[in-house]
């Protein structure tokens, strides 16, 4: 069984906000033990959440999503 996975910012955003692939991301998350991300992912996640906030994501939900993503 593979225990490591590389995830990108879209994976993280789908994990912390409700969107089309959120269920798939939640299921996939359970299949791996260790995750690797790029340093720039945090900036990309912040930008994606900011864009979602401009498109109707509640500001409080956006802040909560970003805090969850930082964990």
PDB file of N, CA and C in Angstrom:
ATOM      1  N   UNK A   1       0.841  -1.192   0.000  1.00  0.00           N
ATOM      2  CA  UNK A   1       0.000   0.000   0.000  1.00  0.00           C
ATOM      3  C   UNK A   1       0.878   1.245   0.000  1.00  0.00           C
ATOM      4  N   UNK A   2       0.543   2.169  -0.855  1.00  0.00           N
ATOM      5  CA  UNK A   2       1.258   3.440  -0.907  1.00  0.00           C
ATOM      6  C   UNK A   2       0.799   4.289   0.269  1.00  0.00           C
ATOM      7  N   UNK A   3       1.754   4.855   0.984  1.00  0.00           N
ATOM      8  CA  UNK A   3       1.393   5.641   2.172  1.00  0.00           C
ATOM      9  C   UNK A   3       1.600   7.136   1.973  1.00  0.00           C
ATOM     10  N   UNK A   4       2.297   7.531   0.907  1.00  0.00           N
ATOM     11  CA  UNK A   4       2.586   8.942   0.660  1.00  0.00           C
ATOM     12  C   UNK A   4       1.796   9.451  -0.540  1.00  0.00           C
ATOM     13  N   UNK A   5       1.412  10.708  -0.478  1.00  0.00           N
ATOM     14  CA  UNK A   5       0.735  11.341  -1.606  1.00  0.00           C
ATOM     15  C   UNK A   5       1.170  12.801  -1.680  1.00  0.00           C
ATOM     16  N   UNK A   6       1.236  13.300  -2.879  1.00  0.00           N
ATOM     17  CA  UNK A   6       1.496  14.718  -3.111  1.00  0.00           C
ATOM     18  C   UNK A   6       0.164  15.356  -3.437  1.00  0.00           C
ATOM     19  N   UNK A   7      -0.182  16.395  -2.704  1.00  0.00           N
ATOM     20  CA  UNK A   7      -1.461  17.073  -2.948  1.00  0.00           C
ATOM     21  C   UNK A   7      -1.207  18.503  -3.388  1.00  0.00           C
ATOM     22  N   UNK A   8      -2.094  18.990  -4.219  1.00  0.00           N
ATOM     23  CA  UNK A   8      -1.960  20.369  -4.682  1.00  0.00           C
ATOM     24  C   UNK A   8      -2.996  21.243  -3.980  1.00  0.00           C
ATOM     25  N   UNK A   9      -2.988  22.504  -4.314  1.00  0.00           N
ATOM     26  CA  UNK A   9      -3.862  23.454  -3.631  1.00  0.00           C
ATOM     27  C   UNK A   9      -5.342  23.162  -3.894  1.00  0.00           C
ATOM     28  N   UNK A  10      -5.690  22.660  -5.067  1.00  0.00           N
ATOM     29  CA  UNK A  10      -7.095  22.364  -5.352  1.00  0.00           C
ATOM     30  C   UNK A  10      -7.611  21.251  -4.445  1.00  0.00           C
ATOM     31  N   UNK A  11      -6.760  20.295  -4.118  1.00  0.00           N
ATOM     32  CA  UNK A  11      -7.114  19.226  -3.183  1.00  0.00           C
ATOM     33  C   UNK A  11      -7.410  19.833  -1.811  1.00  0.00           C
ATOM     34  N   UNK A  12      -6.552  20.714  -1.350  1.00  0.00           N
ATOM     35  CA  UNK A  12      -6.713  21.336  -0.035  1.00  0.00           C
ATOM     36  C   UNK A  12      -7.975  22.190   0.010  1.00  0.00           C
ATOM     37  N   UNK A  13      -8.204  22.966  -1.046  1.00  0.00           N
ATOM     38  CA  UNK A  13      -9.391  23.827  -1.092  1.00  0.00           C
ATOM     39  C   UNK A  13     -10.662  22.975  -1.076  1.00  0.00           C
ATOM     40  N   UNK A  14     -10.680  21.889  -1.823  1.00  0.00           N
ATOM     41  CA  UNK A  14     -11.847  21.000  -1.829  1.00  0.00           C
ATOM     42  C   UNK A  14     -12.060  20.352  -0.470  1.00  0.00           C
ATOM     43  N   UNK A  15     -10.993  20.188   0.277  1.00  0.00           N
ATOM     44  CA  UNK A  15     -11.085  19.595   1.612  1.00  0.00           C
ATOM     45  C   UNK A  15     -11.709  20.564   2.617  1.00  0.00           C
ATOM     46  N   UNK A  16     -11.406  21.840   2.500  1.00  0.00           N
ATOM     47  CA  UNK A  16     -11.844  22.816   3.509  1.00  0.00           C
ATOM     48  C   UNK A  16     -13.064  23.637   3.088  1.00  0.00           C
ATOM     49  N   UNK A  17     -13.490  23.515   1.843  1.00  0.00           N
ATOM     50  CA  UNK A  17     -14.712  24.194   1.391  1.00  0.00           C
ATOM     51  C   UNK A  17     -15.585  23.170   0.687  1.00  0.00           C
ATOM     52  N   UNK A  18     -16.867  23.415   0.657  1.00  0.00           N
ATOM     53  CA  UNK A  18     -17.783  22.505  -0.008  1.00  0.00           C
ATOM     54  C   UNK A  18     -17.783  22.806  -1.503  1.00  0.00           C
ATOM     55  N   UNK A  19     -17.413  21.805  -2.295  1.00  0.00           N
ATOM     56  CA  UNK A  19     -17.411  21.961  -3.745  1.00  0.00           C
ATOM     57  C   UNK A  19     -17.589  20.600  -4.407  1.00  0.00           C
ATOM     58  N   UNK A  20     -17.536  20.586  -5.706  1.00  0.00           N
ATOM     59  CA  UNK A  20     -17.826  19.393  -6.501  1.00  0.00           C
ATOM     60  C   UNK A  20     -17.020  18.162  -6.069  1.00  0.00           C
ATOM     61  N   UNK A  21     -15.738  18.319  -5.779  1.00  0.00           N
ATOM     62  CA  UNK A  21     -14.868  17.188  -5.484  1.00  0.00           C
ATOM     63  C   UNK A  21     -14.615  16.964  -3.995  1.00  0.00           C
ATOM     64  N   UNK A  22     -15.339  17.621  -3.143  1.00  0.00           N
ATOM     65  CA  UNK A  22     -15.100  17.502  -1.702  1.00  0.00           C
ATOM     66  C   UNK A  22     -15.270  16.074  -1.193  1.00  0.00           C
ATOM     67  N   UNK A  23     -16.291  15.371  -1.659  1.00  0.00           N
ATOM     68  CA  UNK A  23     -16.490  13.988  -1.219  1.00  0.00           C
ATOM     69  C   UNK A  23     -15.334  13.102  -1.655  1.00  0.00           C
ATOM     70  N   UNK A  24     -14.906  13.256  -2.898  1.00  0.00           N
ATOM     71  CA  UNK A  24     -13.792  12.457  -3.410  1.00  0.00           C
ATOM     72  C   UNK A  24     -12.521  12.735  -2.615  1.00  0.00           C
ATOM     73  N   UNK A  25     -12.259  13.995  -2.307  1.00  0.00           N
ATOM     74  CA  UNK A  25     -11.067  14.363  -1.541  1.00  0.00           C
ATOM     75  C   UNK A  25     -11.124  13.741  -0.145  1.00  0.00           C
ATOM     76  N   UNK A  26     -12.283  13.792   0.488  1.00  0.00           N
ATOM     77  CA  UNK A  26     -12.416  13.209   1.825  1.00  0.00           C
ATOM     78  C   UNK A  26     -12.140  11.710   1.815  1.00  0.00           C
ATOM     79  N   UNK A  27     -12.631  11.013   0.794  1.00  0.00           N
ATOM     80  CA  UNK A  27     -12.395   9.573   0.682  1.00  0.00           C
ATOM     81  C   UNK A  27     -10.922   9.286   0.383  1.00  0.00           C
ATOM     82  N   UNK A  28     -10.336  10.058  -0.504  1.00  0.00           N
ATOM     83  CA  UNK A  28      -8.940   9.858  -0.884  1.00  0.00           C
ATOM     84  C   UNK A  28      -8.016  10.124   0.294  1.00  0.00           C
ATOM     85  N   UNK A  29      -8.349  11.089   1.104  1.00  0.00           N
ATOM     86  CA  UNK A  29      -7.540  11.449   2.272  1.00  0.00           C
ATOM     87  C   UNK A  29      -7.315  10.247   3.186  1.00  0.00           C
ATOM     88  N   UNK A  30      -8.299   9.395   3.308  1.00  0.00           N
ATOM     89  CA  UNK A  30      -8.220   8.249   4.207  1.00  0.00           C
ATOM     90  C   UNK A  30      -7.317   7.133   3.673  1.00  0.00           C
ATOM     91  N   UNK A  31      -6.956   7.207   2.398  1.00  0.00           N
ATOM     92  CA  UNK A  31      -6.159   6.148   1.779  1.00  0.00           C
ATOM     93  C   UNK A  31      -4.651   6.320   1.989  1.00  0.00           C
ATOM     94  N   UNK A  32      -4.243   7.469   2.499  1.00  0.00           N
ATOM     95  CA  UNK A  32      -2.813   7.757   2.630  1.00  0.00           C
ATOM     96  C   UNK A  32      -2.470   8.127   4.057  1.00  0.00           C
ATOM     97  N   UNK A  33      -1.219   7.939   4.383  1.00  0.00           N
ATOM     98  CA  UNK A  33      -0.742   8.227   5.728  1.00  0.00           C
ATOM     99  C   UNK A  33       0.024   9.551   5.796  1.00  0.00           C
ATOM    100  N   UNK A  34       0.786   9.864   4.745  1.00  0.00           N
ATOM    101  CA  UNK A  34       1.616  11.070   4.712  1.00  0.00           C
ATOM    102  C   UNK A  34       1.296  11.881   3.461  1.00  0.00           C
ATOM    103  N   UNK A  35       1.332  13.198   3.613  1.00  0.00           N
ATOM    104  CA  UNK A  35       1.037  14.091   2.494  1.00  0.00           C
ATOM    105  C   UNK A  35       2.177  15.085   2.311  1.00  0.00           C
ATOM    106  N   UNK A  36       2.466  15.394   1.079  1.00  0.00           N
ATOM    107  CA  UNK A  36       3.507  16.357   0.732  1.00  0.00           C
ATOM    108  C   UNK A  36       2.854  17.485  -0.068  1.00  0.00           C
ATOM    109  N   UNK A  37       3.225  18.702   0.257  1.00  0.00           N
ATOM    110  CA  UNK A  37       2.708  19.858  -0.471  1.00  0.00           C
ATOM    111  C   UNK A  37       3.865  20.795  -0.806  1.00  0.00           C
ATOM    112  N   UNK A  38       3.635  21.619  -1.794  1.00  0.00           N
ATOM    113  CA  UNK A  38       4.621  22.637  -2.158  1.00  0.00           C
ATOM    114  C   UNK A  38       4.476  23.841  -1.237  1.00  0.00           C
ATOM    115  N   UNK A  39       5.553  24.573  -1.053  1.00  0.00           N
ATOM    116  CA  UNK A  39       5.504  25.776  -0.214  1.00  0.00           C
ATOM    117  C   UNK A  39       4.496  26.798  -0.731  1.00  0.00           C
ATOM    118  N   UNK A  40       4.374  26.895  -2.031  1.00  0.00           N
ATOM    119  CA  UNK A  40       3.460  27.873  -2.616  1.00  0.00           C
ATOM    120  C   UNK A  40       1.993  27.500  -2.457  1.00  0.00           C
ATOM    121  N   UNK A  41       1.720  26.298  -2.045  1.00  0.00           N
ATOM    122  CA  UNK A  41       0.330  25.861  -1.900  1.00  0.00           C
ATOM    123  C   UNK A  41      -0.455  26.746  -0.943  1.00  0.00           C
ATOM    124  N   UNK A  42       0.182  27.212   0.119  1.00  0.00           N
ATOM    125  CA  UNK A  42      -0.533  28.057   1.071  1.00  0.00           C
ATOM    126  C   UNK A  42      -0.994  29.363   0.424  1.00  0.00           C
ATOM    127  N   UNK A  43      -0.185  29.935  -0.452  1.00  0.00           N
ATOM    128  CA  UNK A  43      -0.578  31.154  -1.155  1.00  0.00           C
ATOM    129  C   UNK A  43      -1.690  30.855  -2.145  1.00  0.00           C
ATOM    130  N   UNK A  44      -1.586  29.720  -2.820  1.00  0.00           N
ATOM    131  CA  UNK A  44      -2.603  29.338  -3.790  1.00  0.00           C
ATOM    132  C   UNK A  44      -3.940  29.046  -3.098  1.00  0.00           C
ATOM    133  N   UNK A  45      -3.887  28.390  -1.958  1.00  0.00           N
ATOM    134  CA  UNK A  45      -5.107  28.103  -1.194  1.00  0.00           C
ATOM    135  C   UNK A  45      -5.747  29.410  -0.730  1.00  0.00           C
ATOM    136  N   UNK A  46      -4.947  30.315  -0.202  1.00  0.00           N
ATOM    137  CA  UNK A  46      -5.475  31.612   0.244  1.00  0.00           C
ATOM    138  C   UNK A  46      -6.127  32.347  -0.919  1.00  0.00           C
ATOM    139  N   UNK A  47      -5.495  32.326  -2.075  1.00  0.00           N
ATOM    140  CA  UNK A  47      -6.052  32.994  -3.247  1.00  0.00           C
ATOM    141  C   UNK A  47      -7.361  32.339  -3.680  1.00  0.00           C
ATOM    142  N   UNK A  48      -7.410  31.015  -3.701  1.00  0.00           N
ATOM    143  CA  UNK A  48      -8.625  30.307  -4.109  1.00  0.00           C
ATOM    144  C   UNK A  48      -9.779  30.580  -3.147  1.00  0.00           C
ATOM    145  N   UNK A  49      -9.489  30.593  -1.855  1.00  0.00           N
ATOM    146  CA  UNK A  49     -10.535  30.894  -0.870  1.00  0.00           C
ATOM    147  C   UNK A  49     -10.988  32.340  -1.013  1.00  0.00           C
ATOM    148  N   UNK A  50     -10.061  33.246  -1.279  1.00  0.00           N
ATOM    149  CA  UNK A  50     -10.414  34.640  -1.510  1.00  0.00           C
ATOM    150  C   UNK A  50     -11.338  34.777  -2.726  1.00  0.00           C
ATOM    151  N   UNK A  51     -11.029  34.052  -3.790  1.00  0.00           N
ATOM    152  CA  UNK A  51     -11.873  34.082  -4.985  1.00  0.00           C
ATOM    153  C   UNK A  51     -13.265  33.521  -4.683  1.00  0.00           C
ATOM    154  N   UNK A  52     -13.338  32.461  -3.888  1.00  0.00           N
ATOM    155  CA  UNK A  52     -14.630  31.906  -3.505  1.00  0.00           C
ATOM    156  C   UNK A  52     -15.417  32.904  -2.653  1.00  0.00           C
ATOM    157  N   UNK A  53     -14.717  33.670  -1.826  1.00  0.00           N
ATOM    158  CA  UNK A  53     -15.388  34.682  -1.010  1.00  0.00           C
ATOM    159  C   UNK A  53     -16.000  35.765  -1.898  1.00  0.00           C
ATOM    160  N   UNK A  54     -15.322  36.107  -2.967  1.00  0.00           N
ATOM    161  CA  UNK A  54     -15.856  37.105  -3.901  1.00  0.00           C
ATOM    162  C   UNK A  54     -17.044  36.556  -4.684  1.00  0.00           C
ATOM    163  N   UNK A  55     -17.123  35.231  -4.785  1.00  0.00           N
ATOM    164  CA  UNK A  55     -18.202  34.603  -5.552  1.00  0.00           C
ATOM    165  C   UNK A  55     -19.340  34.102  -4.670  1.00  0.00           C
ATOM    166  N   UNK A  56     -19.335  34.494  -3.393  1.00  0.00           N
ATOM    167  CA  UNK A  56     -20.473  34.167  -2.549  1.00  0.00           C
ATOM    168  C   UNK A  56     -20.193  33.359  -1.292  1.00  0.00           C
ATOM    169  N   UNK A  57     -18.961  32.908  -1.091  1.00  0.00           N
ATOM    170  CA  UNK A  57     -18.641  32.208   0.144  1.00  0.00           C
ATOM    171  C   UNK A  57     -18.715  33.207   1.294  1.00  0.00           C
ATOM    172  N   UNK A  58     -19.429  32.843   2.333  1.00  0.00           N
ATOM    173  CA  UNK A  58     -19.577  33.683   3.509  1.00  0.00           C
ATOM    174  C   UNK A  58     -18.193  34.035   4.063  1.00  0.00           C
ATOM    175  N   UNK A  59     -17.940  35.303   4.410  1.00  0.00           N
ATOM    176  CA  UNK A  59     -16.621  35.689   4.928  1.00  0.00           C
ATOM    177  C   UNK A  59     -16.177  34.879   6.146  1.00  0.00           C
ATOM    178  N   UNK A  60     -17.111  34.576   7.051  1.00  0.00           N
ATOM    179  CA  UNK A  60     -16.749  33.775   8.222  1.00  0.00           C
ATOM    180  C   UNK A  60     -16.346  32.367   7.804  1.00  0.00           C
ATOM    181  N   UNK A  61     -17.036  31.808   6.822  1.00  0.00           N
ATOM    182  CA  UNK A  61     -16.684  30.475   6.321  1.00  0.00           C
ATOM    183  C   UNK A  61     -15.333  30.507   5.625  1.00  0.00           C
ATOM    184  N   UNK A  62     -15.034  31.608   4.945  1.00  0.00           N
ATOM    185  CA  UNK A  62     -13.740  31.750   4.266  1.00  0.00           C
ATOM    186  C   UNK A  62     -12.603  31.776   5.282  1.00  0.00           C
ATOM    187  N   UNK A  63     -12.773  32.507   6.355  1.00  0.00           N
ATOM    188  CA  UNK A  63     -11.748  32.571   7.405  1.00  0.00           C
ATOM    189  C   UNK A  63     -11.567  31.195   8.045  1.00  0.00           C
ATOM    190  N   UNK A  64     -12.655  30.530   8.335  1.00  0.00           N
ATOM    191  CA  UNK A  64     -12.587  29.188   8.925  1.00  0.00           C
ATOM    192  C   UNK A  64     -11.898  28.210   7.967  1.00  0.00           C
ATOM    193  N   UNK A  65     -12.222  28.285   6.687  1.00  0.00           N
ATOM    194  CA  UNK A  65     -11.598  27.402   5.688  1.00  0.00           C
ATOM    195  C   UNK A  65     -10.096  27.629   5.642  1.00  0.00           C
ATOM    196  N   UNK A  66      -9.671  28.883   5.662  1.00  0.00           N
ATOM    197  CA  UNK A  66      -8.232  29.169   5.630  1.00  0.00           C
ATOM    198  C   UNK A  66      -7.535  28.649   6.889  1.00  0.00           C
ATOM    199  N   UNK A  67      -8.168  28.828   8.048  1.00  0.00           N
ATOM    200  CA  UNK A  67      -7.564  28.323   9.281  1.00  0.00           C
ATOM    201  C   UNK A  67      -7.443  26.808   9.262  1.00  0.00           C
ATOM    202  N   UNK A  68      -8.445  26.138   8.713  1.00  0.00           N
ATOM    203  CA  UNK A  68      -8.376  24.684   8.602  1.00  0.00           C
ATOM    204  C   UNK A  68      -7.285  24.268   7.640  1.00  0.00           C
ATOM    205  N   UNK A  69      -7.122  25.002   6.570  1.00  0.00           N
ATOM    206  CA  UNK A  69      -6.103  24.678   5.574  1.00  0.00           C
ATOM    207  C   UNK A  69      -4.693  24.827   6.146  1.00  0.00           C
ATOM    208  N   UNK A  70      -4.501  25.761   7.068  1.00  0.00           N
ATOM    209  CA  UNK A  70      -3.182  25.989   7.656  1.00  0.00           C
ATOM    210  C   UNK A  70      -2.757  24.865   8.599  1.00  0.00           C
ATOM    211  N   UNK A  71      -3.683  24.087   9.088  1.00  0.00           N
ATOM    212  CA  UNK A  71      -3.364  23.015  10.054  1.00  0.00           C
ATOM    213  C   UNK A  71      -2.547  21.947   9.461  1.00  0.00           C
TER     214      UNK A  71
END
